Structures are given as structure tokens and as C-alpha cells.
Amino acid sequence: MTQQPQPEWQPTNPPVPVDQRSWFARNKALSVVLGIVLVVMVCCGGVVVLAAGGDTASSASDTATSSTDEATESAAGSSTSQEEAPPQKSASKGAEPKKASAPGIGSPARDGKFEFTVTKVEKGVQQVGSEFFNETADGQFVLVHITVKNIGDESQTLFDSEQKLKDAQGRSFSTDSSAAIAMEDNDVWLNEINPGNTASGTLVYDMPADAQPTEIELHDSMFSGGVTVSLK
């Protein structure tokens, strides 16, 4: 039997060592490309953010500018309105509203339930009353002749002591009731007057000889506000 020749021994290829490097080290070209892509994306994202931020800032700036412009226009309009408004005339210095003139002799004046009418004023009287019953003035008697009508719906008592006479110096004088009693037919020193009735008489005041009566303040009671009648 013929033996086949044995093949010569050939050395086997040594095993290829495994590459332990990272993927990026093994694929440098791709790594470079990816790096460029990332850089571009980051840059583009920053530009977008900056653009958005710029738009926001621009919007805020525009809003602030608009508000400022509106405020300026409003202030300008207000200023224009004030300038165009006609100036009001100021009241004259020292000017005071005129007071209503007080009623005078012969004019009726009302207070409460009474309507008073001063008919005459006598000054410089030294004595009043009769020969046997009279009163003498310390200075001068001033006689205020008056009629009083009850215009209310109830009776009201007239007191001569509530009627005040004033002179040119602003002094106030009360009636001399004892002198009023001494005068005959004097119905106004103390009299209860019924509704619709009228009483007539004289209010007597003892004043200094040089006093000048200017007005009389008449009251239907001690609680009323009174009404002033000029005696000038």
C-alpha cells in the first residue's frame, strides 16, 4: 500500500488581538463629523435663544416706550386742556355778599307766632306815667311804639323783657318794666295774645342821655331766634 505523502506542517496565523480602543478612537473621521454637527447645533440653539430673548426684550422695550408715549400724550392733553380752559374770575378782595336789609319803622317783621310792627320811636323822654304814678329816667327814656299780632294757631304770651334795644356802640338794653306799667293803656309789657288778635303799646328803655338807638331785636319768646328791626 502506497502511503500518501503527509503535508508539510504550516504554522497557523497567530490570533488577532482585540482592539481595546473606544469607538471614537477607532472612528476618528466620524467623530470629527459628529463634533462639528454638535457644535453647529449648539451655536444654532444659542442664536435661537438669543433671538427669542432679543424679541422679548424688544417687545418689553416697545411696551415701555408705548406706555411712556401714552403718559406723555395724556399729560400733554391735560396741560393743553388746562391751558385752553378759560381762567375763572377770582372774587374781588374784600367783597362780601350783601346782607338783606332789616325791616324798618312801619314794616312788619315776624318771629315765631308774632308779627311785630314798630310804628314810632321817641327819644329824650325824661318821665312817663301820670301825675300820681310815674317813673323818671336815670338818663333818657327811649319809647318804642309797637303793635304785635299773633299769627299762630295758639295763644302766646308777650314779655317786654325779651325785646332788646341796641345803640350805635353795639350795646344792648333791656326794657324798664316799671316805667312801662306806669304808662296807661300799655298792653305790651306782659300780655297773653290769642291767635289773630293784636296788642298795641310801648316798650320803654332807660338809656344814657347821649345814646343813639339804632335797632331793636324782637322775640316771640326767650327761646326764639328773634328778628331785627332798624330804627334809623
Protein backbone atom coordinates (compact mmCIF):
# COMPACT_ATOMS: atom_id res chain seq x y z
CA MET A 1 0.00 0.00 0.00
CA THR A 2 1.32 3.19 -1.05
CA GLN A 3 1.39 5.84 1.71
CA GLN A 4 0.22 9.31 0.81
CA PRO A 5 2.79 11.88 1.46
CA GLN A 6 1.97 13.91 4.54
CA PRO A 7 1.52 17.65 4.01
CA GLU A 8 4.18 19.71 5.39
CA TRP A 9 3.29 21.41 8.64
CA GLN A 10 2.47 25.01 8.22
CA PRO A 11 2.38 27.38 11.10
CA THR A 12 -1.06 28.73 11.97
CA ASN A 13 -1.76 32.54 11.95
CA PRO A 14 -1.48 33.98 15.41
CA PRO A 15 -4.84 35.29 16.80
CA VAL A 16 -5.58 38.94 16.02
CA PRO A 17 -5.60 40.92 19.22
CA VAL A 18 -8.88 42.60 20.09
CA ASP A 19 -8.83 46.39 19.60
CA GLN A 20 -9.41 47.87 23.07
CA ARG A 21 -9.76 51.47 21.90
CA SER A 22 -13.06 53.40 22.16
CA TRP A 23 -15.38 53.83 19.26
CA PHE A 24 -14.36 57.47 18.83
CA ALA A 25 -10.68 56.47 18.74
CA ARG A 26 -11.39 53.79 16.19
CA ASN A 27 -13.54 56.08 14.04
CA LYS A 28 -11.79 59.38 14.11
CA ALA A 29 -13.34 60.68 10.92
CA LEU A 30 -16.86 60.09 12.10
CA SER A 31 -16.01 61.58 15.46
CA VAL A 32 -14.82 64.76 13.81
CA VAL A 33 -18.01 64.96 11.74
CA LEU A 34 -20.21 64.41 14.81
CA GLY A 35 -18.26 67.03 16.74
CA ILE A 36 -18.82 69.55 14.01
CA VAL A 37 -22.56 68.72 13.93
CA LEU A 38 -22.83 69.17 17.71
CA VAL A 39 -21.01 72.49 17.59
CA VAL A 40 -23.30 73.70 14.82
CA MET A 41 -26.41 72.61 16.79
CA VAL A 42 -25.23 74.33 19.97
CA CYS A 43 -24.44 77.51 18.08
CA CYS A 44 -27.78 77.46 16.30
CA GLY A 45 -29.61 76.85 19.58
CA GLY A 46 -27.82 79.82 21.18
CA VAL A 47 -28.73 82.00 18.24
CA VAL A 48 -32.38 80.93 18.58
CA VAL A 49 -32.34 81.67 22.33
CA LEU A 50 -30.64 84.99 21.75
CA ALA A 51 -33.11 85.81 19.02
CA ALA A 52 -36.02 84.90 21.29
CA GLY A 53 -34.52 86.91 24.12
CA GLY A 54 -33.96 89.80 21.77
CA ASP A 55 -37.56 89.63 20.60
CA THR A 56 -38.78 89.59 24.24
CA ALA A 57 -36.54 92.47 25.22
CA SER A 58 -37.62 94.34 22.12
CA SER A 59 -41.28 93.68 22.96
CA ALA A 60 -40.78 94.86 26.56
CA SER A 61 -38.92 97.91 25.31
CA ASP A 62 -41.68 98.64 22.80
CA THR A 63 -44.32 98.25 25.55
CA ALA A 64 -42.44 100.56 27.91
CA THR A 65 -41.94 103.08 25.10
CA SER A 66 -45.64 102.89 24.22
CA SER A 67 -46.64 103.41 27.88
CA THR A 68 -44.26 106.35 28.16
CA ASP A 69 -45.63 107.85 24.96
CA GLU A 70 -49.22 107.42 26.19
CA ALA A 71 -48.39 109.01 29.55
CA THR A 72 -46.65 111.89 27.77
CA GLU A 73 -49.62 112.39 25.44
CA SER A 74 -52.04 112.24 28.41
CA ALA A 75 -50.00 114.79 30.36
CA ALA A 76 -49.74 116.97 27.27
CA GLY A 77 -53.51 116.71 26.71
CA SER A 78 -54.19 117.58 30.35
CA SER A 79 -51.83 120.52 30.16
CA THR A 80 -53.47 121.65 26.93
CA SER A 81 -56.94 121.35 28.48
CA GLN A 82 -55.82 123.38 31.47
CA GLU A 83 -54.26 125.98 29.23
CA GLU A 84 -57.33 126.13 26.99
CA ALA A 85 -59.79 126.33 29.91
CA PRO A 86 -60.84 129.93 30.42
CA PRO A 87 -59.49 131.35 33.67
CA GLN A 88 -62.09 131.76 36.35
CA LYS A 89 -62.60 135.19 37.66
CA SER A 90 -61.38 135.45 41.21
CA ALA A 91 -63.58 137.12 43.73
CA SER A 92 -62.63 140.67 44.46
CA LYS A 93 -60.69 141.05 47.64
CA GLY A 94 -62.78 142.36 50.46
CA ALA A 95 -66.03 141.70 48.57
CA GLU A 96 -68.71 140.18 50.80
CA PRO A 97 -72.22 139.04 49.93
CA LYS A 98 -74.74 141.75 50.63
CA LYS A 99 -76.90 141.12 53.63
CA ALA A 100 -80.64 141.50 53.31
CA SER A 101 -81.64 144.83 54.77
CA ALA A 102 -83.58 144.63 58.02
CA PRO A 103 -87.18 145.83 58.02
CA GLY A 104 -87.60 149.38 59.30
CA ILE A 105 -90.17 151.50 61.06
CA GLY A 106 -93.63 150.76 59.69
CA SER A 107 -92.62 147.41 58.16
CA PRO A 108 -93.92 144.14 59.67
CA ALA A 109 -91.32 141.67 60.95
CA ARG A 110 -92.09 138.11 62.05
CA ASP A 111 -90.62 135.89 64.72
CA GLY A 112 -92.35 132.68 65.70
CA LYS A 113 -96.04 133.28 66.35
CA PHE A 114 -95.76 137.09 66.43
CA GLU A 115 -95.74 139.71 63.74
CA PHE A 116 -94.20 142.94 65.06
CA THR A 117 -94.59 146.41 63.59
CA VAL A 118 -92.68 149.35 65.06
CA THR A 119 -94.81 152.46 64.43
CA LYS A 120 -92.76 155.22 66.09
CA VAL A 121 -89.66 155.90 68.20
CA GLU A 122 -89.34 158.72 70.76
CA LYS A 123 -86.02 159.76 72.32
CA GLY A 124 -85.01 162.07 75.16
CA VAL A 125 -88.12 161.48 77.30
CA GLN A 126 -87.45 162.28 80.98
CA GLN A 127 -90.63 160.99 82.64
CA VAL A 128 -93.51 158.62 81.86
CA GLY A 129 -96.81 157.92 83.64
CA SER A 130 -99.48 160.02 85.25
CA GLU A 131 -99.27 162.81 87.80
CA PHE A 132 -99.65 160.38 90.68
CA PHE A 133 -97.95 157.30 89.24
CA ASN A 134 -94.86 157.92 87.16
CA GLU A 135 -91.25 156.95 86.58
CA THR A 136 -88.25 159.20 85.92
CA ALA A 137 -85.32 158.18 83.72
CA ASP A 138 -81.78 157.93 85.02
CA GLY A 139 -80.59 159.07 81.58
CA GLN A 140 -83.33 159.27 78.97
CA PHE A 141 -86.32 157.16 78.17
CA VAL A 142 -86.50 155.84 74.64
CA LEU A 143 -90.06 154.85 73.77
CA VAL A 144 -90.62 152.28 71.02
CA HIS A 145 -94.29 152.23 69.99
CA ILE A 146 -95.25 148.85 68.64
CA THR A 147 -98.12 146.57 67.60
CA VAL A 148 -97.92 142.79 67.99
CA LYS A 149 -100.20 140.33 66.15
CA ASN A 150 -100.46 136.62 66.94
CA ILE A 151 -100.17 134.88 63.55
CA GLY A 152 -100.02 131.39 65.05
CA ASP A 153 -102.77 128.91 65.96
CA GLU A 154 -102.20 129.04 69.72
CA SER A 155 -102.11 131.79 72.32
CA GLN A 156 -98.69 133.22 73.08
CA THR A 157 -97.53 135.43 75.95
CA LEU A 158 -95.63 138.58 75.07
CA PHE A 159 -92.87 139.57 77.51
CA ASP A 160 -91.42 143.06 77.13
CA SER A 161 -88.22 141.86 78.87
CA GLU A 162 -87.35 139.68 75.82
CA GLN A 163 -87.15 142.70 73.49
CA LYS A 164 -83.60 144.14 73.27
CA LEU A 165 -82.71 147.66 72.10
CA LYS A 166 -79.22 148.35 70.71
CA ASP A 167 -77.38 151.64 70.30
CA ALA A 168 -74.75 152.89 67.88
CA GLN A 169 -71.98 151.47 70.10
CA GLY A 170 -73.42 147.95 69.90
CA ARG A 171 -74.62 147.95 73.49
CA SER A 172 -77.80 146.02 74.33
CA PHE A 173 -80.51 147.41 76.66
CA SER A 174 -83.39 145.72 78.44
CA THR A 175 -86.81 147.28 78.97
CA ASP A 176 -87.76 149.23 82.08
CA SER A 177 -90.89 147.28 83.01
CA SER A 178 -91.81 149.52 85.96
CA ALA A 179 -91.85 152.53 83.64
CA ALA A 180 -93.94 150.57 81.11
CA ILE A 181 -96.51 149.71 83.82
CA ALA A 182 -96.77 153.39 84.74
CA MET A 183 -97.96 154.19 81.22
CA GLU A 184 -101.72 153.98 80.69
CA ASP A 185 -103.20 151.52 78.19
CA ASN A 186 -99.87 149.82 77.66
CA ASP A 187 -100.64 146.24 76.60
CA VAL A 188 -97.21 145.00 75.62
CA TRP A 189 -95.27 144.80 78.85
CA LEU A 190 -96.94 141.43 79.75
CA ASN A 191 -99.82 140.16 77.67
CA GLU A 192 -101.15 136.81 76.51
CA ILE A 193 -102.30 137.29 72.93
CA ASN A 194 -104.75 134.85 71.32
CA PRO A 195 -104.45 133.74 67.67
CA GLY A 196 -105.46 136.53 65.26
CA ASN A 197 -105.51 139.21 67.96
CA THR A 198 -103.31 142.31 68.09
CA ALA A 199 -101.92 144.19 71.08
CA SER A 200 -100.52 147.72 70.99
CA GLY A 201 -98.31 149.53 73.43
CA THR A 202 -94.90 150.98 74.19
CA LEU A 203 -91.58 149.41 75.05
CA VAL A 204 -89.65 151.68 77.44
CA TYR A 205 -85.85 151.75 77.71
CA ASP A 206 -83.76 153.80 80.13
CA MET A 207 -80.59 154.71 78.22
CA PRO A 208 -77.72 157.18 78.69
CA ALA A 209 -78.59 160.68 77.56
CA ASP A 210 -76.15 160.54 74.65
CA ALA A 211 -77.05 157.02 73.45
CA GLN A 212 -78.43 156.69 69.94
CA PRO A 213 -80.82 153.74 69.40
CA THR A 214 -80.17 152.05 66.06
CA GLU A 215 -82.10 148.75 66.08
CA ILE A 216 -84.34 146.55 68.14
CA GLU A 217 -84.32 142.76 68.37
CA LEU A 218 -87.81 141.35 68.85
CA HIS A 219 -88.70 137.84 70.12
CA ASP A 220 -91.91 135.89 70.49
CA SER A 221 -90.28 134.04 73.43
CA MET A 222 -86.96 133.69 75.21
CA PHE A 223 -86.17 130.62 73.07
CA SER A 224 -86.76 132.16 69.64
CA GLY A 225 -84.10 133.38 67.22
CA GLY A 226 -85.57 136.88 67.06
CA VAL A 227 -85.96 139.38 64.26
CA THR A 228 -84.12 142.71 63.94
CA VAL A 229 -85.85 145.96 63.01
CA SER A 230 -83.83 149.04 62.04
CA LEU A 231 -84.68 152.27 63.86
CA LYS A 232 -82.53 154.57 61.71
